[in-house]
Amino acid sequence: MTDSSHKSPEVENDGDFRVHVFSSSSELLEKLHEKWSSVEKQPYPAMYSSIYGGIILDPAMMVIPIDDHMVHRGHGVFDTAIVLDGYLYELDVHLDRFLRSASKAKISSPFSRSSLRSILIQLTAVSKCKSGTLRFWLSAGPGDFLLSSTGCPTSAFYAVVIHHDFSQCKEGVKVITSKIPMKAPLFATVKNVNYLPNVLSVMEAEEKGAFSSVWVDEAGYIAEGPNVNVAFITQDKELVMPSFENILLGCTAKRLLELAPKLVDEGLLKGVATKSLTMAQGKDAAEMMYVGSTLPLLPIIEWDDQPIGNARVGELTMLLSDLLWDDMVAGPDTQRIPVPYV
């Protein structure tokens, strides 16, 4: 072996490039550990894999098979729950939507609902994470590289806990109308892993100096954001969200619709509704916001370089944000599950 075999892969001539061959699994594992050795804080404290049949604490082993149909065909669904102050927020609501998505995607779970729930709670407990996200996937499973999943012996369930420090969003952001075609209703209403349109719409916004984007359908009605719902306070002080027939019903959006009537009872809002909104009606709103699990509510102060209301974060927006935040921090037992940390 010559000295050139130890050179960096960044060589002048392609002919000089030599691909390293790992001679053993231990050598490969050592290389993977090198990657994580320089990380100050492990962002992924624990993962579950039905392929391994247990919880993984070593980040170097938090992998999925390359022939998993979720990887090369996008045949998979997912969902996300929040871990806050040692509680899992709205786990059951997210799990129910997860299983509805799986049914529409024709993926059967290798476990019962109660077993999935138990796995997720145990995973969070072992992770010792008190603030973060719990993300979980159901795929058609590994087996081959064909389109059909008939060659996959069984579906696969994966989950990972991710450290994240949450705080209320109090600063307003700018958005644009996305020119990336939105998903057809069949795919928009299933929380699946095919997120290329979502990714491109966010990149499109960032390239224009905006935070994110808003989809408007072919009929001119407001739909949703790339991974969030949108909501408006009209000039008449009504909370309005676009109808959910052709877009994903967000768990946090659903919860906001349940909590918002409190402000109606206090005389601060005149009503709460879901209905079709044109882009012109949205831009004429007094206040606008994103609604999503990891926000849970983010004020929007400008859309396509046009100010929303007075271009400042609205009072009703923050009151709604307070309702959601209080629900996350100290809501009813039906919403918050205590994690039995070990």
C-alpha atoms as a PDB file:
ATOM      1  CA  MET A   1       0.000   0.000   0.000  1.00  0.00           C
ATOM      2  CA  THR A   2       1.447   3.383  -1.026  1.00  0.00           C
ATOM      3  CA  ASP A   3       1.234   6.693   0.811  1.00  0.00           C
ATOM      4  CA  SER A   4      -1.374   7.875  -1.715  1.00  0.00           C
ATOM      5  CA  SER A   5      -3.872   5.421  -0.229  1.00  0.00           C
ATOM      6  CA  HIS A   6      -4.039   7.630   2.867  1.00  0.00           C
ATOM      7  CA  LYS A   7      -4.687  10.857   0.994  1.00  0.00           C
ATOM      8  CA  SER A   8      -7.873  12.845   1.233  1.00  0.00           C
ATOM      9  CA  PRO A   9     -10.566  11.819  -1.291  1.00  0.00           C
ATOM     10  CA  GLU A  10     -10.334  15.390  -2.654  1.00  0.00           C
ATOM     11  CA  VAL A  11      -7.772  14.518  -5.329  1.00  0.00           C
ATOM     12  CA  GLU A  12      -6.972  16.326  -8.553  1.00  0.00           C
ATOM     13  CA  ASN A  13      -7.708  13.473 -10.949  1.00  0.00           C
ATOM     14  CA  ASP A  14     -10.657  11.094 -10.815  1.00  0.00           C
ATOM     15  CA  GLY A  15      -8.286   8.334 -11.846  1.00  0.00           C
ATOM     16  CA  ASP A  16      -6.435   8.732  -8.548  1.00  0.00           C
ATOM     17  CA  PHE A  17      -9.581   8.345  -6.483  1.00  0.00           C
ATOM     18  CA  ARG A  18      -9.756   5.084  -4.528  1.00  0.00           C
ATOM     19  CA  VAL A  19     -12.857   4.096  -2.603  1.00  0.00           C
ATOM     20  CA  HIS A  20     -12.139   2.660   0.810  1.00  0.00           C
ATOM     21  CA  VAL A  21     -13.419  -0.850   1.458  1.00  0.00           C
ATOM     22  CA  PHE A  22     -14.368  -1.576   5.059  1.00  0.00           C
ATOM     23  CA  SER A  23     -12.906  -4.960   5.929  1.00  0.00           C
ATOM     24  CA  SER A  24     -15.105  -5.592   8.945  1.00  0.00           C
ATOM     25  CA  SER A  25     -18.186  -4.367  10.775  1.00  0.00           C
ATOM     26  CA  SER A  26     -16.015  -3.279  13.696  1.00  0.00           C
ATOM     27  CA  GLU A  27     -13.981  -1.014  11.406  1.00  0.00           C
ATOM     28  CA  LEU A  28     -17.167   0.508  10.038  1.00  0.00           C
ATOM     29  CA  LEU A  29     -18.576   1.033  13.517  1.00  0.00           C
ATOM     30  CA  GLU A  30     -15.363   2.747  14.556  1.00  0.00           C
ATOM     31  CA  LYS A  31     -15.760   5.120  11.610  1.00  0.00           C
ATOM     32  CA  LEU A  32     -19.358   5.860  12.545  1.00  0.00           C
ATOM     33  CA  HIS A  33     -18.335   6.565  16.133  1.00  0.00           C
ATOM     34  CA  GLU A  34     -15.748   9.038  14.843  1.00  0.00           C
ATOM     35  CA  LYS A  35     -18.571  11.117  13.405  1.00  0.00           C
ATOM     36  CA  TRP A  36     -20.348  11.420  16.736  1.00  0.00           C
ATOM     37  CA  SER A  37     -17.299  11.765  18.970  1.00  0.00           C
ATOM     38  CA  SER A  38     -16.999  15.483  18.186  1.00  0.00           C
ATOM     39  CA  VAL A  39     -20.639  16.260  18.949  1.00  0.00           C
ATOM     40  CA  GLU A  40     -20.955  18.100  22.269  1.00  0.00           C
ATOM     41  CA  LYS A  41     -24.553  17.030  22.940  1.00  0.00           C
ATOM     42  CA  GLN A  42     -26.207  14.028  21.393  1.00  0.00           C
ATOM     43  CA  PRO A  43     -29.363  15.399  19.693  1.00  0.00           C
ATOM     44  CA  TYR A  44     -30.918  11.944  19.332  1.00  0.00           C
ATOM     45  CA  PRO A  45     -30.785  10.257  22.735  1.00  0.00           C
ATOM     46  CA  ALA A  46     -32.797   7.176  21.756  1.00  0.00           C
ATOM     47  CA  MET A  47     -34.313   5.388  18.770  1.00  0.00           C
ATOM     48  CA  TYR A  48     -36.639   2.422  18.411  1.00  0.00           C
ATOM     49  CA  SER A  49     -36.474   0.036  15.462  1.00  0.00           C
ATOM     50  CA  SER A  50     -38.722  -2.953  14.901  1.00  0.00           C
ATOM     51  CA  ILE A  51     -35.971  -4.293  12.622  1.00  0.00           C
ATOM     52  CA  TYR A  52     -33.651  -4.524  15.641  1.00  0.00           C
ATOM     53  CA  GLY A  53     -36.534  -5.258  17.976  1.00  0.00           C
ATOM     54  CA  GLY A  54     -35.627  -2.725  20.631  1.00  0.00           C
ATOM     55  CA  ILE A  55     -34.368   0.688  21.717  1.00  0.00           C
ATOM     56  CA  ILE A  56     -30.988   1.919  20.466  1.00  0.00           C
ATOM     57  CA  LEU A  57     -28.872   4.346  22.499  1.00  0.00           C
ATOM     58  CA  ASP A  58     -25.786   4.354  20.288  1.00  0.00           C
ATOM     59  CA  PRO A  59     -26.247   7.085  17.619  1.00  0.00           C
ATOM     60  CA  ALA A  60     -23.914   5.237  15.250  1.00  0.00           C
ATOM     61  CA  MET A  61     -26.486   2.439  15.051  1.00  0.00           C
ATOM     62  CA  MET A  62     -29.535   4.641  14.498  1.00  0.00           C
ATOM     63  CA  VAL A  63     -29.972   3.558  10.898  1.00  0.00           C
ATOM     64  CA  ILE A  64     -32.573   1.969   8.639  1.00  0.00           C
ATOM     65  CA  PRO A  65     -32.033  -0.496   5.771  1.00  0.00           C
ATOM     66  CA  ILE A  66     -31.346   0.948   2.316  1.00  0.00           C
ATOM     67  CA  ASP A  67     -33.914  -1.444   0.807  1.00  0.00           C
ATOM     68  CA  ASP A  68     -36.678  -0.195   3.099  1.00  0.00           C
ATOM     69  CA  HIS A  69     -39.456   0.913   0.749  1.00  0.00           C
ATOM     70  CA  MET A  70     -39.819   4.145   2.713  1.00  0.00           C
ATOM     71  CA  VAL A  71     -36.277   5.041   1.621  1.00  0.00           C
ATOM     72  CA  HIS A  72     -36.350   4.341  -2.097  1.00  0.00           C
ATOM     73  CA  ARG A  73     -40.087   4.489  -2.881  1.00  0.00           C
ATOM     74  CA  GLY A  74     -41.468   6.853  -0.265  1.00  0.00           C
ATOM     75  CA  HIS A  75     -43.920   4.200   0.912  1.00  0.00           C
ATOM     76  CA  GLY A  76     -44.232   5.313   4.496  1.00  0.00           C
ATOM     77  CA  VAL A  77     -46.131   7.561   6.890  1.00  0.00           C
ATOM     78  CA  PHE A  78     -45.064   9.462   9.976  1.00  0.00           C
ATOM     79  CA  ASP A  79     -46.200  11.720  12.787  1.00  0.00           C
ATOM     80  CA  THR A  80     -44.725  13.847  15.560  1.00  0.00           C
ATOM     81  CA  ALA A  81     -45.635  14.436  19.202  1.00  0.00           C
ATOM     82  CA  ILE A  82     -44.131  16.989  21.571  1.00  0.00           C
ATOM     83  CA  VAL A  83     -42.242  16.274  24.777  1.00  0.00           C
ATOM     84  CA  LEU A  84     -42.501  19.227  27.148  1.00  0.00           C
ATOM     85  CA  ASP A  85     -41.620  19.382  30.842  1.00  0.00           C
ATOM     86  CA  GLY A  86     -41.545  15.595  30.987  1.00  0.00           C
ATOM     87  CA  TYR A  87     -44.986  15.116  29.418  1.00  0.00           C
ATOM     88  CA  LEU A  88     -46.021  13.836  26.006  1.00  0.00           C
ATOM     89  CA  TYR A  89     -48.486  16.308  24.512  1.00  0.00           C
ATOM     90  CA  GLU A  90     -51.384  14.979  22.417  1.00  0.00           C
ATOM     91  CA  LEU A  91     -49.721  11.610  21.834  1.00  0.00           C
ATOM     92  CA  ASP A  92     -53.044   9.820  21.377  1.00  0.00           C
ATOM     93  CA  VAL A  93     -54.316  12.347  18.844  1.00  0.00           C
ATOM     94  CA  HIS A  94     -51.130  12.036  16.802  1.00  0.00           C
ATOM     95  CA  LEU A  95     -51.125   8.257  17.083  1.00  0.00           C
ATOM     96  CA  ASP A  96     -54.709   8.063  15.824  1.00  0.00           C
ATOM     97  CA  ARG A  97     -53.864  10.219  12.808  1.00  0.00           C
ATOM     98  CA  PHE A  98     -50.737   8.119  12.238  1.00  0.00           C
ATOM     99  CA  LEU A  99     -52.797   4.942  11.982  1.00  0.00           C
ATOM    100  CA  ARG A 100     -55.368   6.604   9.701  1.00  0.00           C
ATOM    101  CA  SER A 101     -52.522   7.658   7.406  1.00  0.00           C
ATOM    102  CA  ALA A 102     -51.111   4.127   7.466  1.00  0.00           C
ATOM    103  CA  SER A 103     -54.479   2.684   6.489  1.00  0.00           C
ATOM    104  CA  LYS A 104     -54.787   5.051   3.519  1.00  0.00           C
ATOM    105  CA  ALA A 105     -51.210   4.214   2.496  1.00  0.00           C
ATOM    106  CA  LYS A 106     -52.037   0.490   2.690  1.00  0.00           C
ATOM    107  CA  ILE A 107     -49.438  -0.227   5.354  1.00  0.00           C
ATOM    108  CA  SER A 108     -50.383  -2.538   8.199  1.00  0.00           C
ATOM    109  CA  SER A 109     -48.736  -2.072  11.564  1.00  0.00           C
ATOM    110  CA  PRO A 110     -46.564  -4.862  13.000  1.00  0.00           C
ATOM    111  CA  PHE A 111     -48.017  -3.963  16.408  1.00  0.00           C
ATOM    112  CA  SER A 112     -51.383  -3.151  17.922  1.00  0.00           C
ATOM    113  CA  ARG A 113     -52.203   0.467  18.737  1.00  0.00           C
ATOM    114  CA  SER A 114     -51.694  -0.156  22.444  1.00  0.00           C
ATOM    115  CA  SER A 115     -48.274  -1.715  21.782  1.00  0.00           C
ATOM    116  CA  LEU A 116     -47.224   1.216  19.585  1.00  0.00           C
ATOM    117  CA  ARG A 117     -48.277   3.603  22.332  1.00  0.00           C
ATOM    118  CA  SER A 118     -46.339   1.620  24.939  1.00  0.00           C
ATOM    119  CA  ILE A 119     -43.210   1.557  22.758  1.00  0.00           C
ATOM    120  CA  LEU A 120     -43.342   5.335  22.291  1.00  0.00           C
ATOM    121  CA  ILE A 121     -43.761   6.029  26.005  1.00  0.00           C
ATOM    122  CA  GLN A 122     -40.980   3.611  26.958  1.00  0.00           C
ATOM    123  CA  LEU A 123     -38.692   5.121  24.310  1.00  0.00           C
ATOM    124  CA  THR A 124     -39.267   8.620  25.675  1.00  0.00           C
ATOM    125  CA  ALA A 125     -38.641   7.404  29.224  1.00  0.00           C
ATOM    126  CA  VAL A 126     -35.352   5.729  28.298  1.00  0.00           C
ATOM    127  CA  SER A 127     -34.225   8.823  26.367  1.00  0.00           C
ATOM    128  CA  LYS A 128     -34.471  10.932  29.555  1.00  0.00           C
ATOM    129  CA  CYS A 129     -35.426  13.822  27.272  1.00  0.00           C
ATOM    130  CA  LYS A 130     -37.693  16.340  29.024  1.00  0.00           C
ATOM    131  CA  SER A 131     -38.088  18.717  26.062  1.00  0.00           C
ATOM    132  CA  GLY A 132     -38.114  17.732  22.425  1.00  0.00           C
ATOM    133  CA  THR A 133     -39.991  15.882  19.723  1.00  0.00           C
ATOM    134  CA  LEU A 134     -41.004  12.257  19.401  1.00  0.00           C
ATOM    135  CA  ARG A 135     -41.100  11.330  15.708  1.00  0.00           C
ATOM    136  CA  PHE A 136     -42.341   7.975  14.494  1.00  0.00           C
ATOM    137  CA  TRP A 137     -42.642   6.240  11.131  1.00  0.00           C
ATOM    138  CA  LEU A 138     -44.387   3.218   9.691  1.00  0.00           C
ATOM    139  CA  SER A 139     -42.960   1.892   6.434  1.00  0.00           C
ATOM    140  CA  ALA A 140     -43.800  -0.914   4.047  1.00  0.00           C
ATOM    141  CA  GLY A 141     -40.522  -2.371   5.301  1.00  0.00           C
ATOM    142  CA  PRO A 142     -37.306  -3.683   3.775  1.00  0.00           C
ATOM    143  CA  GLY A 143     -37.240  -6.435   1.197  1.00  0.00           C
ATOM    144  CA  ASP A 144     -36.273  -5.357  -2.300  1.00  0.00           C
ATOM    145  CA  PHE A 145     -36.083  -2.383  -4.669  1.00  0.00           C
ATOM    146  CA  LEU A 146     -39.335  -2.931  -6.580  1.00  0.00           C
ATOM    147  CA  LEU A 147     -42.411  -0.702  -6.628  1.00  0.00           C
ATOM    148  CA  SER A 148     -44.744  -3.210  -5.051  1.00  0.00           C
ATOM    149  CA  SER A 149     -44.295  -3.962  -1.373  1.00  0.00           C
ATOM    150  CA  THR A 150     -45.369  -7.598  -1.808  1.00  0.00           C
ATOM    151  CA  GLY A 151     -41.717  -8.619  -1.484  1.00  0.00           C
ATOM    152  CA  CYS A 152     -41.393  -7.031   1.958  1.00  0.00           C
ATOM    153  CA  PRO A 153     -41.779  -9.714   4.666  1.00  0.00           C
ATOM    154  CA  THR A 154     -43.201  -7.237   7.181  1.00  0.00           C
ATOM    155  CA  SER A 155     -43.771  -3.553   7.710  1.00  0.00           C
ATOM    156  CA  ALA A 156     -41.327  -1.627   9.890  1.00  0.00           C
ATOM    157  CA  PHE A 157     -41.873   0.780  12.773  1.00  0.00           C
ATOM    158  CA  TYR A 158     -39.242   3.357  13.706  1.00  0.00           C
ATOM    159  CA  ALA A 159     -39.228   6.148  16.270  1.00  0.00           C
ATOM    160  CA  VAL A 160     -36.681   8.635  17.541  1.00  0.00           C
ATOM    161  CA  VAL A 161     -36.558  11.210  20.332  1.00  0.00           C
ATOM    162  CA  ILE A 162     -34.953  14.524  19.364  1.00  0.00           C
ATOM    163  CA  HIS A 163     -33.811  17.137  21.868  1.00  0.00           C
ATOM    164  CA  HIS A 164     -35.384  20.547  21.249  1.00  0.00           C
ATOM    165  CA  ASP A 165     -35.915  23.523  23.541  1.00  0.00           C
ATOM    166  CA  PHE A 166     -39.355  25.033  23.027  1.00  0.00           C
ATOM    167  CA  SER A 167     -40.512  28.566  23.696  1.00  0.00           C
ATOM    168  CA  GLN A 168     -43.454  30.652  22.607  1.00  0.00           C
ATOM    169  CA  CYS A 169     -43.058  32.315  19.215  1.00  0.00           C
ATOM    170  CA  LYS A 170     -43.579  36.035  19.774  1.00  0.00           C
ATOM    171  CA  GLU A 171     -41.853  37.541  16.734  1.00  0.00           C
ATOM    172  CA  GLY A 172     -43.694  37.839  13.433  1.00  0.00           C
ATOM    173  CA  VAL A 173     -42.413  36.350  10.169  1.00  0.00           C
ATOM    174  CA  LYS A 174     -42.797  37.011   6.444  1.00  0.00           C
ATOM    175  CA  VAL A 175     -44.262  34.498   3.984  1.00  0.00           C
ATOM    176  CA  ILE A 176     -44.790  34.195   0.249  1.00  0.00           C
ATOM    177  CA  THR A 177     -47.297  32.436  -1.980  1.00  0.00           C
ATOM    178  CA  SER A 178     -45.664  29.228  -3.168  1.00  0.00           C
ATOM    179  CA  LYS A 179     -45.331  28.548  -6.878  1.00  0.00           C
ATOM    180  CA  ILE A 180     -44.510  24.898  -6.190  1.00  0.00           C
ATOM    181  CA  PRO A 181     -47.561  22.765  -7.076  1.00  0.00           C
ATOM    182  CA  MET A 182     -49.337  21.574  -3.969  1.00  0.00           C
ATOM    183  CA  LYS A 183     -50.182  17.936  -3.372  1.00  0.00           C
ATOM    184  CA  ALA A 184     -53.399  16.408  -4.650  1.00  0.00           C
ATOM    185  CA  PRO A 185     -55.994  15.888  -1.868  1.00  0.00           C
ATOM    186  CA  LEU A 186     -55.325  12.135  -1.624  1.00  0.00           C
ATOM    187  CA  PHE A 187     -51.700  12.773  -0.697  1.00  0.00           C
ATOM    188  CA  ALA A 188     -52.207  16.070   1.148  1.00  0.00           C
ATOM    189  CA  THR A 189     -54.605  14.473   3.632  1.00  0.00           C
ATOM    190  CA  VAL A 190     -52.228  11.583   4.416  1.00  0.00           C
ATOM    191  CA  LYS A 191     -49.177  12.441   6.517  1.00  0.00           C
ATOM    192  CA  ASN A 192     -46.739  10.591   4.303  1.00  0.00           C
ATOM    193  CA  VAL A 193     -42.975  10.858   3.800  1.00  0.00           C
ATOM    194  CA  ASN A 194     -43.228  12.315   0.280  1.00  0.00           C
ATOM    195  CA  TYR A 195     -42.201  15.835   1.280  1.00  0.00           C
ATOM    196  CA  LEU A 196     -40.335  17.054  -1.799  1.00  0.00           C
ATOM    197  CA  PRO A 197     -43.015  19.692  -2.631  1.00  0.00           C
ATOM    198  CA  ASN A 198     -42.878  20.858   0.988  1.00  0.00           C
ATOM    199  CA  VAL A 199     -39.094  21.075   0.963  1.00  0.00           C
ATOM    200  CA  LEU A 200     -39.006  22.995  -2.318  1.00  0.00           C
ATOM    201  CA  SER A 201     -41.661  25.447  -1.154  1.00  0.00           C
ATOM    202  CA  VAL A 202     -39.637  26.298   1.956  1.00  0.00           C
ATOM    203  CA  MET A 203     -36.441  26.670  -0.081  1.00  0.00           C
ATOM    204  CA  GLU A 204     -38.339  28.904  -2.507  1.00  0.00           C
ATOM    205  CA  ALA A 205     -39.364  31.151   0.398  1.00  0.00           C
ATOM    206  CA  GLU A 206     -35.899  31.263   1.920  1.00  0.00           C
ATOM    207  CA  GLU A 207     -34.401  32.262  -1.431  1.00  0.00           C
ATOM    208  CA  LYS A 208     -36.736  35.284  -1.370  1.00  0.00           C
ATOM    209  CA  GLY A 209     -35.889  36.247   2.187  1.00  0.00           C
ATOM    210  CA  ALA A 210     -39.104  34.884   3.693  1.00  0.00           C
ATOM    211  CA  PHE A 211     -39.575  32.403   6.512  1.00  0.00           C
ATOM    212  CA  SER A 212     -41.855  30.032   4.639  1.00  0.00           C
ATOM    213  CA  SER A 213     -44.746  29.883   2.192  1.00  0.00           C
ATOM    214  CA  VAL A 214     -48.472  29.420   1.756  1.00  0.00           C
ATOM    215  CA  TRP A 215     -50.167  27.220  -0.814  1.00  0.00           C
ATOM    216  CA  VAL A 216     -53.192  28.487  -2.713  1.00  0.00           C
ATOM    217  CA  ASP A 217     -55.171  25.913  -4.693  1.00  0.00           C
ATOM    218  CA  GLU A 218     -56.160  26.086  -8.378  1.00  0.00           C
ATOM    219  CA  ALA A 219     -59.515  27.631  -7.487  1.00  0.00           C
ATOM    220  CA  GLY A 220     -57.762  30.491  -5.687  1.00  0.00           C
ATOM    221  CA  TYR A 221     -58.514  29.352  -2.143  1.00  0.00           C
ATOM    222  CA  ILE A 222     -55.925  29.330   0.659  1.00  0.00           C
ATOM    223  CA  ALA A 223     -54.801  25.821   1.563  1.00  0.00           C
ATOM    224  CA  GLU A 224     -51.908  25.426   4.028  1.00  0.00           C
ATOM    225  CA  GLY A 225     -48.222  25.932   4.665  1.00  0.00           C
ATOM    226  CA  PRO A 226     -45.512  23.366   3.882  1.00  0.00           C
ATOM    227  CA  ASN A 227     -45.881  21.585   7.233  1.00  0.00           C
ATOM    228  CA  VAL A 228     -48.349  23.775   9.111  1.00  0.00           C
ATOM    229  CA  ASN A 229     -51.891  25.039   8.926  1.00  0.00           C
ATOM    230  CA  VAL A 230     -52.687  28.726   8.533  1.00  0.00           C
ATOM    231  CA  ALA A 231     -55.255  30.746  10.446  1.00  0.00           C
ATOM    232  CA  PHE A 232     -56.615  34.281  10.263  1.00  0.00           C
ATOM    233  CA  ILE A 233     -58.332  36.868  12.423  1.00  0.00           C
ATOM    234  CA  THR A 234     -60.734  38.726  10.169  1.00  0.00           C
ATOM    235  CA  GLN A 235     -61.476  42.432  10.428  1.00  0.00           C
ATOM    236  CA  ASP A 236     -64.677  41.353  12.226  1.00  0.00           C
ATOM    237  CA  LYS A 237     -62.587  39.490  14.840  1.00  0.00           C
ATOM    238  CA  GLU A 238     -63.510  36.002  13.700  1.00  0.00           C
ATOM    239  CA  LEU A 239     -60.925  33.202  13.857  1.00  0.00           C
ATOM    240  CA  VAL A 240     -61.002  31.429  10.496  1.00  0.00           C
ATOM    241  CA  MET A 241     -59.070  28.440   9.194  1.00  0.00           C
ATOM    242  CA  PRO A 242     -59.272  27.111   5.633  1.00  0.00           C
ATOM    243  CA  SER A 243     -61.524  24.066   5.237  1.00  0.00           C
ATOM    244  CA  PHE A 244     -59.751  20.743   5.727  1.00  0.00           C
ATOM    245  CA  GLU A 245     -61.377  18.695   2.947  1.00  0.00           C
ATOM    246  CA  ASN A 246     -58.305  18.824   0.694  1.00  0.00           C
ATOM    247  CA  ILE A 247     -55.485  19.494   3.180  1.00  0.00           C
ATOM    248  CA  LEU A 248     -54.088  17.855   6.283  1.00  0.00           C
ATOM    249  CA  LEU A 249     -56.015  18.485   9.485  1.00  0.00           C
ATOM    250  CA  GLY A 250     -53.285  19.433  11.918  1.00  0.00           C
ATOM    251  CA  CYS A 251     -53.597  18.100  15.461  1.00  0.00           C
ATOM    252  CA  THR A 252     -52.623  21.508  16.860  1.00  0.00           C
ATOM    253  CA  ALA A 253     -55.062  23.271  14.530  1.00  0.00           C
ATOM    254  CA  LYS A 254     -57.807  20.963  15.746  1.00  0.00           C
ATOM    255  CA  ARG A 255     -56.892  21.706  19.357  1.00  0.00           C
ATOM    256  CA  LEU A 256     -56.869  25.453  18.690  1.00  0.00           C
ATOM    257  CA  LEU A 257     -60.394  25.218  17.300  1.00  0.00           C
ATOM    258  CA  GLU A 258     -61.411  23.501  20.537  1.00  0.00           C
ATOM    259  CA  LEU A 259     -59.750  26.112  22.768  1.00  0.00           C
ATOM    260  CA  ALA A 260     -60.585  29.315  20.865  1.00  0.00           C
ATOM    261  CA  PRO A 261     -64.268  29.473  21.914  1.00  0.00           C
ATOM    262  CA  LYS A 262     -62.972  30.549  25.342  1.00  0.00           C
ATOM    263  CA  LEU A 263     -62.120  33.893  23.760  1.00  0.00           C
ATOM    264  CA  VAL A 264     -65.608  34.020  22.226  1.00  0.00           C
ATOM    265  CA  ASP A 265     -67.118  33.527  25.690  1.00  0.00           C
ATOM    266  CA  GLU A 266     -64.951  36.396  26.952  1.00  0.00           C
ATOM    267  CA  GLY A 267     -66.146  38.646  24.143  1.00  0.00           C
ATOM    268  CA  LEU A 268     -62.699  38.928  22.575  1.00  0.00           C
ATOM    269  CA  LEU A 269     -63.543  36.903  19.458  1.00  0.00           C
ATOM    270  CA  LYS A 270     -66.831  37.061  17.599  1.00  0.00           C
ATOM    271  CA  GLY A 271     -66.640  33.517  16.307  1.00  0.00           C
ATOM    272  CA  VAL A 272     -64.587  30.499  15.231  1.00  0.00           C
ATOM    273  CA  ALA A 273     -65.007  28.879  11.827  1.00  0.00           C
ATOM    274  CA  THR A 274     -63.468  26.751   9.084  1.00  0.00           C
ATOM    275  CA  LYS A 275     -64.369  27.853   5.584  1.00  0.00           C
ATOM    276  CA  SER A 276     -62.949  28.647   2.161  1.00  0.00           C
ATOM    277  CA  LEU A 277     -60.883  31.830   1.995  1.00  0.00           C
ATOM    278  CA  THR A 278     -59.526  33.510  -1.106  1.00  0.00           C
ATOM    279  CA  MET A 279     -56.021  34.894  -1.127  1.00  0.00           C
ATOM    280  CA  ALA A 280     -57.476  38.421  -1.266  1.00  0.00           C
ATOM    281  CA  GLN A 281     -59.536  37.744   1.853  1.00  0.00           C
ATOM    282  CA  GLY A 282     -56.493  36.341   3.629  1.00  0.00           C
ATOM    283  CA  LYS A 283     -54.334  39.329   2.810  1.00  0.00           C
ATOM    284  CA  ASP A 284     -57.111  41.610   4.020  1.00  0.00           C
ATOM    285  CA  ALA A 285     -57.179  39.890   7.422  1.00  0.00           C
ATOM    286  CA  ALA A 286     -56.357  41.787  10.598  1.00  0.00           C
ATOM    287  CA  GLU A 287     -54.007  39.033  11.786  1.00  0.00           C
ATOM    288  CA  MET A 288     -52.481  35.856  10.345  1.00  0.00           C
ATOM    289  CA  MET A 289     -50.584  32.931  11.829  1.00  0.00           C
ATOM    290  CA  TYR A 290     -49.098  29.492  11.273  1.00  0.00           C
ATOM    291  CA  VAL A 291     -50.384  26.688  13.499  1.00  0.00           C
ATOM    292  CA  GLY A 292     -48.338  23.516  14.038  1.00  0.00           C
ATOM    293  CA  SER A 293     -47.107  21.117  16.689  1.00  0.00           C
ATOM    294  CA  THR A 294     -43.579  22.458  17.109  1.00  0.00           C
ATOM    295  CA  LEU A 295     -44.566  26.160  17.075  1.00  0.00           C
ATOM    296  CA  PRO A 296     -47.369  25.843  18.305  1.00  0.00           C
ATOM    297  CA  LEU A 297     -48.429  29.229  16.886  1.00  0.00           C
ATOM    298  CA  LEU A 298     -46.266  31.595  14.830  1.00  0.00           C
ATOM    299  CA  PRO A 299     -47.450  35.131  13.961  1.00  0.00           C
ATOM    300  CA  ILE A 300     -47.260  36.218  10.299  1.00  0.00           C
ATOM    301  CA  ILE A 301     -46.927  39.937   9.679  1.00  0.00           C
ATOM    302  CA  GLU A 302     -46.266  40.096   5.935  1.00  0.00           C
ATOM    303  CA  TRP A 303     -47.432  38.092   2.914  1.00  0.00           C
ATOM    304  CA  ASP A 304     -45.921  38.660  -0.547  1.00  0.00           C
ATOM    305  CA  ASP A 305     -44.411  41.960   0.656  1.00  0.00           C
ATOM    306  CA  GLN A 306     -47.878  43.110   1.764  1.00  0.00           C
ATOM    307  CA  PRO A 307     -48.374  43.842   5.475  1.00  0.00           C
ATOM    308  CA  ILE A 308     -50.988  41.848   7.354  1.00  0.00           C
ATOM    309  CA  GLY A 309     -53.013  44.271   9.433  1.00  0.00           C
ATOM    310  CA  ASN A 310     -50.659  46.862  10.888  1.00  0.00           C
ATOM    311  CA  ALA A 311     -47.606  44.633  10.214  1.00  0.00           C
ATOM    312  CA  ARG A 312     -47.241  43.915  13.927  1.00  0.00           C
ATOM    313  CA  VAL A 313     -47.965  40.810  15.974  1.00  0.00           C
ATOM    314  CA  GLY A 314     -51.639  40.996  16.873  1.00  0.00           C
ATOM    315  CA  GLU A 315     -53.126  40.872  20.349  1.00  0.00           C
ATOM    316  CA  LEU A 316     -55.586  38.124  19.471  1.00  0.00           C
ATOM    317  CA  THR A 317     -52.812  36.077  17.897  1.00  0.00           C
ATOM    318  CA  MET A 318     -50.908  36.151  21.171  1.00  0.00           C
ATOM    319  CA  LEU A 319     -54.011  35.362  23.214  1.00  0.00           C
ATOM    320  CA  LEU A 320     -54.551  32.295  21.045  1.00  0.00           C
ATOM    321  CA  SER A 321     -50.876  31.446  21.445  1.00  0.00           C
ATOM    322  CA  ASP A 322     -51.271  31.684  25.216  1.00  0.00           C
ATOM    323  CA  LEU A 323     -54.224  29.269  25.084  1.00  0.00           C
ATOM    324  CA  LEU A 324     -52.177  26.674  23.228  1.00  0.00           C
ATOM    325  CA  TRP A 325     -49.062  27.183  25.316  1.00  0.00           C
ATOM    326  CA  ASP A 326     -50.978  26.895  28.598  1.00  0.00           C
ATOM    327  CA  ASP A 327     -52.598  23.733  27.265  1.00  0.00           C
ATOM    328  CA  MET A 328     -49.172  22.272  26.483  1.00  0.00           C
ATOM    329  CA  VAL A 329     -47.716  23.223  29.861  1.00  0.00           C
ATOM    330  CA  ALA A 330     -50.631  22.512  32.175  1.00  0.00           C
ATOM    331  CA  GLY A 331     -53.499  21.127  30.134  1.00  0.00           C
ATOM    332  CA  PRO A 332     -55.872  18.296  31.072  1.00  0.00           C
ATOM    333  CA  ASP A 333     -54.723  14.691  31.516  1.00  0.00           C
ATOM    334  CA  THR A 334     -56.413  13.814  28.231  1.00  0.00           C
ATOM    335  CA  GLN A 335     -53.836  15.984  26.464  1.00  0.00           C
ATOM    336  CA  ARG A 336     -50.693  15.366  28.542  1.00  0.00           C
ATOM    337  CA  ILE A 337     -49.230  11.960  29.393  1.00  0.00           C
ATOM    338  CA  PRO A 338     -46.576  11.885  32.157  1.00  0.00           C
ATOM    339  CA  VAL A 339     -43.422  10.045  31.070  1.00  0.00           C
ATOM    340  CA  PRO A 340     -42.174   7.427  33.618  1.00  0.00           C
ATOM    341  CA  TYR A 341     -38.480   8.279  33.279  1.00  0.00           C
ATOM    342  CA  VAL A 342     -36.064   5.563  34.347  1.00  0.00           C
END
